[in-house]
Amino acid sequence: MSKRDYYEVLGVEKAADEKDIKKAYRRVAMKYHPDRNPDDPDADEKFKEATEAYDVLMNSEKRAAYDRFGHSGVDHGMGGGGFGGGSFSDIFGDVFGDIFGGGGRGRGGPQRGSDLRYTLDISLEDAVRGTTVEIKVPTLAGCDECDGSGARKGSAPISCSTCGGLGQVRMQQGFFQVQQTCPTCRGRGKMISDPCPKCRGQGRVEKSKTLSVKVPPGVDTGDRIRLSGEGEAGPDGGPPGDLFVQMSVRQHPIFERDGKNLYCEVPITFVAAALGGELEVPTLDGRVKLKIPAETQTGKLFRLRGKGVKPVRGGALGDLLCRAVVETPVNLTKKQKELLKEFQESLGQGGNAQSPRQSSWFEGVKAFFDDMKP
């Protein structure tokens, strides 16, 4: 039976590059792999046909001969089981190595240590102005007795006899040849016959270190400061990870923060709200005078420009917004109650004019119930 055109087998154009050919072969091989098609008698032949096409088209010399002479140009050189002297696992591992562990390559040197996170509680004042704080961080540091090797001083780790120092071993699963972490050395590629007594062969020891953290002005809850190289030491002498200090700003008894602005409530007396006056209000920079105009209602906002927060990432300074809260007198004496009653009576029929919000509210309620009538 005549062979099909290799480009047709893989479904690529004659101008296809190596990347396209590899992608096409992966698709066809996965589709017709015998392990995935146990009930299809043609799958095995189609799978071998695709592998043969891939072997020829990925070899520049074979491809040139095939393009010029067709199958007759490459059939005489297909020794070694039909794959040009290379094994089937070499071809399959080349295409699928990135899925199953890297095609036989080792781990590529010592691993980097883990990153750490530390939550730092700070006051609103320190968050706005900035500060420097010392923290104690428990971590895994490199063992100074063995310099992180895990072997007793004067000795050295030896190459793992199971994986030959690669940290991985090949496992055959049907037609697939996959790589797995070496069970003997657990991926390290080395074995320690005489472990360090201090770290017990781990190369790292638990340690608490004190670090100075500079908190810039304007930070807020959720912001992170990265301290490079202050995380856990890497295994086998690998580089350390980083430490991320995450900000958590404590609740303030007076101020609330929203971005770059601060908010606070300012209680004012009934008399000051009606007649006007002047109050001292707190800011993070000290006390300031706040002028209260006559007839001030609860909820009115007074803006103090530039008394907020300077954003840590730059931008204009925020403001302090003070919300007026009219306070109702309590614990009135008999005389005070009589005076308030006289005051209420003095309003007379014109009381609605002195209480515009109350008047409009009652009108809205009346309209609501009128609309409900059939």
Protein backbone atom coordinates (compact mmCIF):
# COMPACT_ATOMS: atom_id res chain seq x y z
CA MET A 1 0.00 0.00 0.00
CA SER A 2 1.39 3.42 -0.99
CA LYS A 3 2.25 5.82 1.79
CA ARG A 4 0.38 9.06 2.29
CA ASP A 5 2.09 12.41 1.90
CA TYR A 6 3.78 13.34 5.20
CA TYR A 7 2.45 16.91 5.10
CA GLU A 8 -1.04 15.52 4.60
CA VAL A 9 -0.58 13.09 7.49
CA LEU A 10 0.16 15.95 9.90
CA GLY A 11 -2.22 18.38 8.25
CA VAL A 12 0.35 21.14 7.57
CA GLU A 13 1.45 23.13 4.54
CA LYS A 14 4.79 22.45 2.83
CA ALA A 15 6.03 25.82 4.08
CA ALA A 16 5.29 24.94 7.73
CA ASP A 17 8.08 25.66 10.21
CA GLU A 18 9.26 23.38 13.02
CA LYS A 19 6.91 24.97 15.53
CA ASP A 20 3.87 24.26 13.36
CA ILE A 21 5.03 20.70 12.65
CA LYS A 22 5.55 19.95 16.32
CA LYS A 23 2.14 21.40 17.20
CA ALA A 24 0.47 19.35 14.46
CA TYR A 25 2.20 16.13 15.53
CA ARG A 26 1.17 16.62 19.12
CA ARG A 27 -2.45 17.00 18.06
CA VAL A 28 -2.44 13.91 15.80
CA ALA A 29 -0.43 11.76 18.25
CA MET A 30 -2.77 12.52 21.12
CA LYS A 31 -5.77 11.78 18.89
CA TYR A 32 -4.56 8.36 17.67
CA HIS A 33 -2.48 7.15 20.59
CA PRO A 34 -3.27 3.42 21.09
CA ASP A 35 -3.75 3.79 24.82
CA ARG A 36 -6.56 6.25 24.18
CA ASN A 37 -8.11 4.16 21.41
CA PRO A 38 -8.05 0.53 22.61
CA ASP A 39 -11.03 -0.42 20.42
CA ASP A 40 -9.79 1.19 17.20
CA PRO A 41 -7.56 -1.22 15.20
CA ASP A 42 -6.48 1.59 12.85
CA ALA A 43 -5.28 3.94 15.59
CA ASP A 44 -1.94 2.19 16.02
CA GLU A 45 -1.07 2.51 12.31
CA LYS A 46 -2.15 6.16 12.15
CA PHE A 47 -0.11 6.90 15.25
CA LYS A 48 3.04 5.29 13.79
CA GLU A 49 2.40 7.03 10.47
CA ALA A 50 2.27 10.42 12.20
CA THR A 51 5.46 9.70 14.16
CA GLU A 52 7.27 8.67 10.98
CA ALA A 53 6.14 11.88 9.26
CA TYR A 54 7.31 13.94 12.21
CA ASP A 55 10.74 12.23 12.23
CA VAL A 56 11.29 13.11 8.57
CA LEU A 57 9.91 16.65 8.53
CA MET A 58 11.75 17.75 11.67
CA ASN A 59 15.12 16.67 10.19
CA SER A 60 16.35 19.27 7.69
CA GLU A 61 18.34 16.75 5.58
CA LYS A 62 15.54 14.17 5.47
CA ARG A 63 12.97 16.86 4.72
CA ALA A 64 15.02 18.19 1.81
CA ALA A 65 15.37 14.67 0.37
CA TYR A 66 11.67 14.01 0.85
CA ASP A 67 10.67 17.28 -0.81
CA ARG A 68 12.87 16.39 -3.81
CA PHE A 69 12.37 12.65 -4.24
CA GLY A 70 9.31 11.81 -2.11
CA HIS A 71 9.23 8.63 -0.01
CA SER A 72 11.96 7.02 -2.11
CA GLY A 73 14.36 9.72 -0.94
CA VAL A 74 14.08 8.75 2.70
CA ASP A 75 13.05 5.08 2.81
CA HIS A 76 16.61 3.84 2.40
CA GLY A 77 17.71 5.85 5.41
CA MET A 78 15.00 4.77 7.79
CA GLY A 79 17.08 2.33 9.77
CA GLY A 80 16.92 1.76 13.47
CA GLY A 81 13.30 0.65 13.62
CA GLY A 82 11.92 3.12 11.10
CA PHE A 83 12.92 6.34 12.89
CA GLY A 84 16.27 7.27 11.34
CA GLY A 85 18.39 5.71 14.04
CA GLY A 86 16.62 7.58 16.85
CA SER A 87 14.32 5.82 19.29
CA PHE A 88 10.60 6.36 19.43
CA SER A 89 10.90 7.63 23.01
CA ASP A 90 13.38 10.30 21.88
CA ILE A 91 10.90 11.64 19.36
CA PHE A 92 7.92 11.42 21.70
CA GLY A 93 9.87 12.91 24.61
CA ASP A 94 10.98 15.82 22.44
CA VAL A 95 7.39 16.79 21.69
CA PHE A 96 5.76 16.00 25.04
CA GLY A 97 8.68 16.74 27.36
CA ASP A 98 7.20 20.06 28.47
CA ILE A 99 4.08 18.22 29.65
CA PHE A 100 5.73 15.28 31.36
CA GLY A 101 8.67 16.86 33.08
CA GLY A 102 11.09 18.48 30.67
CA GLY A 103 12.35 15.72 28.35
CA GLY A 104 14.93 14.24 30.70
CA ARG A 105 16.57 17.50 31.80
CA GLY A 106 17.40 17.98 35.44
CA ARG A 107 15.99 20.49 37.89
CA GLY A 108 18.46 23.23 36.97
CA GLY A 109 20.21 24.05 40.25
CA PRO A 110 19.20 24.88 43.83
CA GLN A 111 15.66 26.02 44.46
CA ARG A 112 14.73 29.49 45.67
CA GLY A 113 13.41 29.74 49.21
CA SER A 114 9.77 30.45 50.00
CA ASP A 115 8.41 33.97 50.32
CA LEU A 116 7.06 35.02 53.73
CA ARG A 117 4.28 37.38 54.74
CA TYR A 118 4.16 39.45 57.92
CA THR A 119 1.09 41.48 58.93
CA LEU A 120 2.09 44.77 60.56
CA ASP A 121 -0.52 46.57 62.69
CA ILE A 122 0.04 50.33 62.77
CA SER A 123 -1.89 53.37 63.95
CA LEU A 124 -3.58 55.78 61.58
CA GLU A 125 -1.11 58.47 62.62
CA ASP A 126 1.88 56.28 61.67
CA ALA A 127 0.22 55.29 58.40
CA VAL A 128 -0.31 58.93 57.44
CA ARG A 129 3.05 60.30 58.59
CA GLY A 130 5.26 57.26 58.03
CA THR A 131 7.42 55.53 60.59
CA THR A 132 10.15 52.95 61.13
CA VAL A 133 9.25 49.74 62.97
CA GLU A 134 11.33 46.81 64.14
CA ILE A 135 9.75 43.39 63.66
CA LYS A 136 10.73 39.85 64.64
CA VAL A 137 10.19 37.27 61.94
CA PRO A 138 10.46 33.47 62.46
CA THR A 139 12.01 31.88 59.38
CA LEU A 140 14.25 29.12 58.05
CA ALA A 141 17.80 30.38 57.68
CA GLY A 142 20.82 28.69 56.15
CA CYS A 143 22.70 26.52 58.63
CA ASP A 144 26.00 28.22 59.51
CA GLU A 145 27.54 24.94 60.63
CA CYS A 146 27.41 23.30 57.18
CA ASP A 147 26.92 26.44 55.06
CA GLY A 148 23.54 25.15 53.95
CA SER A 149 24.81 21.90 52.40
CA GLY A 150 23.22 19.63 55.04
CA ALA A 151 26.41 17.54 55.25
CA ARG A 152 28.66 17.35 58.28
CA LYS A 153 31.49 19.83 58.19
CA GLY A 154 34.39 18.35 56.23
CA SER A 155 32.12 16.11 54.13
CA ALA A 156 29.93 16.76 51.11
CA PRO A 157 26.68 15.42 49.62
CA ILE A 158 27.00 12.66 47.04
CA SER A 159 25.10 12.23 43.78
CA CYS A 160 21.91 10.18 44.05
CA SER A 161 22.49 6.69 42.67
CA THR A 162 18.87 6.31 41.57
CA CYS A 163 18.55 9.38 39.34
CA GLY A 164 22.25 10.08 38.74
CA GLY A 165 21.95 13.57 40.21
CA LEU A 166 19.09 14.70 37.93
CA GLY A 167 16.43 14.72 40.65
CA GLN A 168 14.02 12.95 38.30
CA VAL A 169 13.53 9.45 36.95
CA ARG A 170 11.87 8.22 33.75
CA MET A 171 8.82 6.01 34.01
CA GLN A 172 7.40 4.00 31.09
CA GLN A 173 3.59 4.05 30.85
CA GLY A 174 2.51 2.27 27.69
CA PHE A 175 3.91 4.27 24.78
CA PHE A 176 4.42 7.26 27.05
CA GLN A 177 7.72 7.89 28.77
CA VAL A 178 7.24 10.41 31.56
CA GLN A 179 9.43 11.91 34.23
CA GLN A 180 8.71 11.89 37.92
CA THR A 181 10.46 13.24 40.99
CA CYS A 182 13.08 10.79 42.17
CA PRO A 183 11.64 8.90 45.17
CA THR A 184 15.08 8.35 46.69
CA CYS A 185 16.40 11.91 46.87
CA ARG A 186 12.98 13.60 46.53
CA GLY A 187 14.14 15.68 43.62
CA ARG A 188 17.31 17.03 45.21
CA GLY A 189 19.67 14.98 43.05
CA LYS A 190 21.96 14.48 46.06
CA MET A 191 22.16 12.24 49.10
CA ILE A 192 23.76 13.01 52.45
CA SER A 193 25.51 10.07 54.02
CA ASP A 194 26.87 12.03 57.00
CA PRO A 195 24.32 14.71 57.94
CA CYS A 196 25.14 17.90 59.81
CA PRO A 197 24.27 17.44 63.53
CA LYS A 198 22.91 20.99 63.84
CA CYS A 199 20.39 21.00 61.00
CA ARG A 200 20.06 17.18 60.72
CA GLY A 201 20.86 17.25 57.04
CA GLN A 202 18.25 19.86 56.11
CA GLY A 203 20.72 22.66 55.43
CA ARG A 204 18.36 25.09 57.20
CA VAL A 205 17.49 25.85 60.81
CA GLU A 206 14.60 27.70 62.44
CA LYS A 207 15.62 31.19 63.38
CA SER A 208 14.00 34.44 64.48
CA LYS A 209 15.50 37.59 63.04
CA THR A 210 14.86 41.25 63.80
CA LEU A 211 14.32 43.53 60.83
CA SER A 212 13.81 47.28 60.52
CA VAL A 213 10.87 48.19 58.30
CA LYS A 214 10.58 51.72 56.92
CA VAL A 215 6.90 52.51 56.45
CA PRO A 216 6.44 55.34 53.93
CA PRO A 217 3.84 58.08 54.56
CA GLY A 218 0.37 57.43 53.16
CA VAL A 219 0.18 53.63 53.34
CA ASP A 220 -3.20 52.02 53.87
CA THR A 221 -4.57 48.60 54.84
CA GLY A 222 -3.62 46.04 52.20
CA ASP A 223 -0.47 47.84 51.01
CA ARG A 224 2.66 45.65 50.99
CA ILE A 225 6.33 46.42 51.48
CA ARG A 226 8.74 43.97 49.89
CA LEU A 227 11.99 43.16 51.67
CA SER A 228 14.07 41.37 49.06
CA GLY A 229 16.02 38.34 50.26
CA GLU A 230 14.49 38.34 53.76
CA GLY A 231 12.32 35.26 53.22
CA GLU A 232 13.21 31.63 53.86
CA ALA A 233 16.63 30.37 52.83
CA GLY A 234 16.52 28.08 49.80
CA PRO A 235 17.18 24.35 50.23
CA ASP A 236 20.66 23.07 49.30
CA GLY A 237 22.12 26.57 49.59
CA GLY A 238 19.60 28.09 47.17
CA PRO A 239 18.83 31.83 47.20
CA PRO A 240 16.38 33.11 49.83
CA GLY A 241 12.83 34.22 49.09
CA ASP A 242 11.39 37.63 49.90
CA LEU A 243 9.47 38.97 52.88
CA PHE A 244 6.23 40.87 52.21
CA VAL A 245 5.14 43.13 55.06
CA GLN A 246 1.40 43.75 54.73
CA MET A 247 -0.10 46.85 56.34
CA SER A 248 -3.11 46.68 58.65
CA VAL A 249 -4.17 50.14 59.90
CA ARG A 250 -5.96 50.03 63.26
CA GLN A 251 -9.38 51.65 63.70
CA HIS A 252 -9.12 55.24 64.97
CA PRO A 253 -11.42 56.54 67.74
CA ILE A 254 -12.10 59.83 65.89
CA PHE A 255 -11.20 59.60 62.22
CA GLU A 256 -12.26 57.29 59.40
CA ARG A 257 -10.19 57.06 56.24
CA ASP A 258 -11.45 56.74 52.68
CA GLY A 259 -8.54 56.86 50.26
CA LYS A 260 -6.78 60.17 50.72
CA ASN A 261 -9.62 61.82 52.69
CA LEU A 262 -10.39 61.65 56.40
CA TYR A 263 -13.85 61.90 57.95
CA CYS A 264 -15.04 62.69 61.46
CA GLU A 265 -18.26 63.63 63.23
CA VAL A 266 -18.46 66.94 65.11
CA PRO A 267 -21.23 67.20 67.73
CA ILE A 268 -22.66 70.74 68.05
CA THR A 269 -25.18 72.07 70.52
CA PHE A 270 -28.72 72.97 69.63
CA VAL A 271 -27.96 76.64 70.31
CA ALA A 272 -24.76 76.69 68.23
CA ALA A 273 -26.59 75.01 65.37
CA ALA A 274 -29.38 77.59 65.48
CA LEU A 275 -27.39 80.76 66.14
CA GLY A 276 -23.98 79.83 64.76
CA GLY A 277 -20.65 79.80 66.56
CA GLU A 278 -17.09 78.57 66.50
CA LEU A 279 -15.68 75.20 67.52
CA GLU A 280 -12.27 73.62 67.93
CA VAL A 281 -11.97 70.41 65.92
CA PRO A 282 -9.07 67.93 65.94
CA THR A 283 -6.87 67.14 62.94
CA LEU A 284 -3.79 64.90 62.70
CA ASP A 285 -1.73 68.11 62.74
CA GLY A 286 -3.40 69.64 65.81
CA ARG A 287 -6.53 71.63 66.59
CA VAL A 288 -8.13 74.12 64.20
CA LYS A 289 -11.05 76.55 64.49
CA LEU A 290 -14.23 75.63 62.63
CA LYS A 291 -16.84 78.31 62.04
CA ILE A 292 -20.41 77.06 62.36
CA PRO A 293 -22.93 79.16 60.42
CA ALA A 294 -26.40 79.83 61.83
CA GLU A 295 -29.17 77.33 61.02
CA THR A 296 -26.74 74.43 60.55
CA GLN A 297 -28.50 71.09 60.14
CA THR A 298 -27.30 67.58 61.05
CA GLY A 299 -25.32 66.01 58.21
CA LYS A 300 -23.79 69.23 56.89
CA LEU A 301 -20.17 68.62 55.78
CA PHE A 302 -17.38 71.06 56.49
CA ARG A 303 -14.27 70.59 54.36
CA LEU A 304 -10.83 71.37 55.77
CA ARG A 305 -8.57 71.33 52.73
CA GLY A 306 -5.15 69.74 52.99
CA LYS A 307 -5.86 68.09 56.34
CA GLY A 308 -6.18 64.58 54.91
CA VAL A 309 -3.60 62.08 53.66
CA LYS A 310 -0.79 62.35 51.12
CA PRO A 311 -1.20 59.20 48.94
CA VAL A 312 1.77 56.83 49.12
CA ARG A 313 1.84 56.54 45.32
CA GLY A 314 1.78 60.29 44.80
CA GLY A 315 -0.98 62.79 44.14
CA ALA A 316 -2.65 65.76 45.79
CA LEU A 317 -3.09 65.94 49.54
CA GLY A 318 -6.52 64.85 50.74
CA ASP A 319 -9.00 66.75 52.90
CA LEU A 320 -10.66 66.36 56.29
CA LEU A 321 -14.46 66.35 56.09
CA CYS A 322 -16.29 67.09 59.33
CA ARG A 323 -19.94 66.03 59.56
CA ALA A 324 -22.09 68.13 61.87
CA VAL A 325 -24.29 66.24 64.32
CA VAL A 326 -26.78 68.41 66.23
CA GLU A 327 -26.99 67.12 69.77
CA THR A 328 -30.30 67.11 71.62
CA PRO A 329 -30.01 68.38 75.23
CA VAL A 330 -30.49 65.76 77.95
CA ASN A 331 -31.13 65.84 81.70
CA LEU A 332 -33.08 69.12 81.45
CA THR A 333 -34.19 70.91 84.60
CA LYS A 334 -37.78 71.94 85.17
CA LYS A 335 -36.92 75.54 84.34
CA GLN A 336 -35.18 74.54 81.10
CA LYS A 337 -38.17 72.44 80.00
CA GLU A 338 -40.52 75.41 80.66
CA LEU A 339 -38.31 77.69 78.60
CA LEU A 340 -38.31 75.22 75.70
CA LYS A 341 -42.11 75.00 75.85
CA GLU A 342 -42.33 78.80 75.78
CA PHE A 343 -39.96 78.79 72.82
CA GLN A 344 -42.12 76.22 71.01
CA GLU A 345 -45.26 78.27 71.69
CA SER A 346 -43.50 81.40 70.43
CA LEU A 347 -43.12 79.77 67.04
CA GLY A 348 -46.91 79.64 66.76
CA GLN A 349 -48.45 78.96 63.42
CA GLY A 350 -45.19 79.91 61.71
CA GLY A 351 -43.40 76.87 63.09
CA ASN A 352 -43.26 75.26 59.67
CA ALA A 353 -41.12 78.11 58.43
CA GLN A 354 -38.55 77.41 61.17
CA SER A 355 -38.57 73.67 60.45
CA PRO A 356 -38.49 73.37 56.62
CA ARG A 357 -37.30 69.77 56.54
CA GLN A 358 -40.02 68.64 58.93
CA SER A 359 -42.64 70.45 56.88
CA SER A 360 -41.51 68.93 53.57
CA TRP A 361 -41.31 65.47 55.17
CA PHE A 362 -44.90 65.61 56.41
CA GLU A 363 -46.06 66.80 53.02
CA GLY A 364 -44.29 63.82 51.42
CA VAL A 365 -45.96 61.43 53.87
CA LYS A 366 -49.37 62.93 53.16
CA ALA A 367 -48.85 62.58 49.41
CA PHE A 368 -47.76 58.97 49.86
CA PHE A 369 -50.94 57.99 51.67
CA ASP A 370 -53.11 59.99 49.28
CA ASP A 371 -51.67 57.99 46.37
CA MET A 372 -52.63 54.76 48.15
CA LYS A 373 -56.31 55.65 48.30
CA PRO A 374 -58.52 53.86 45.72
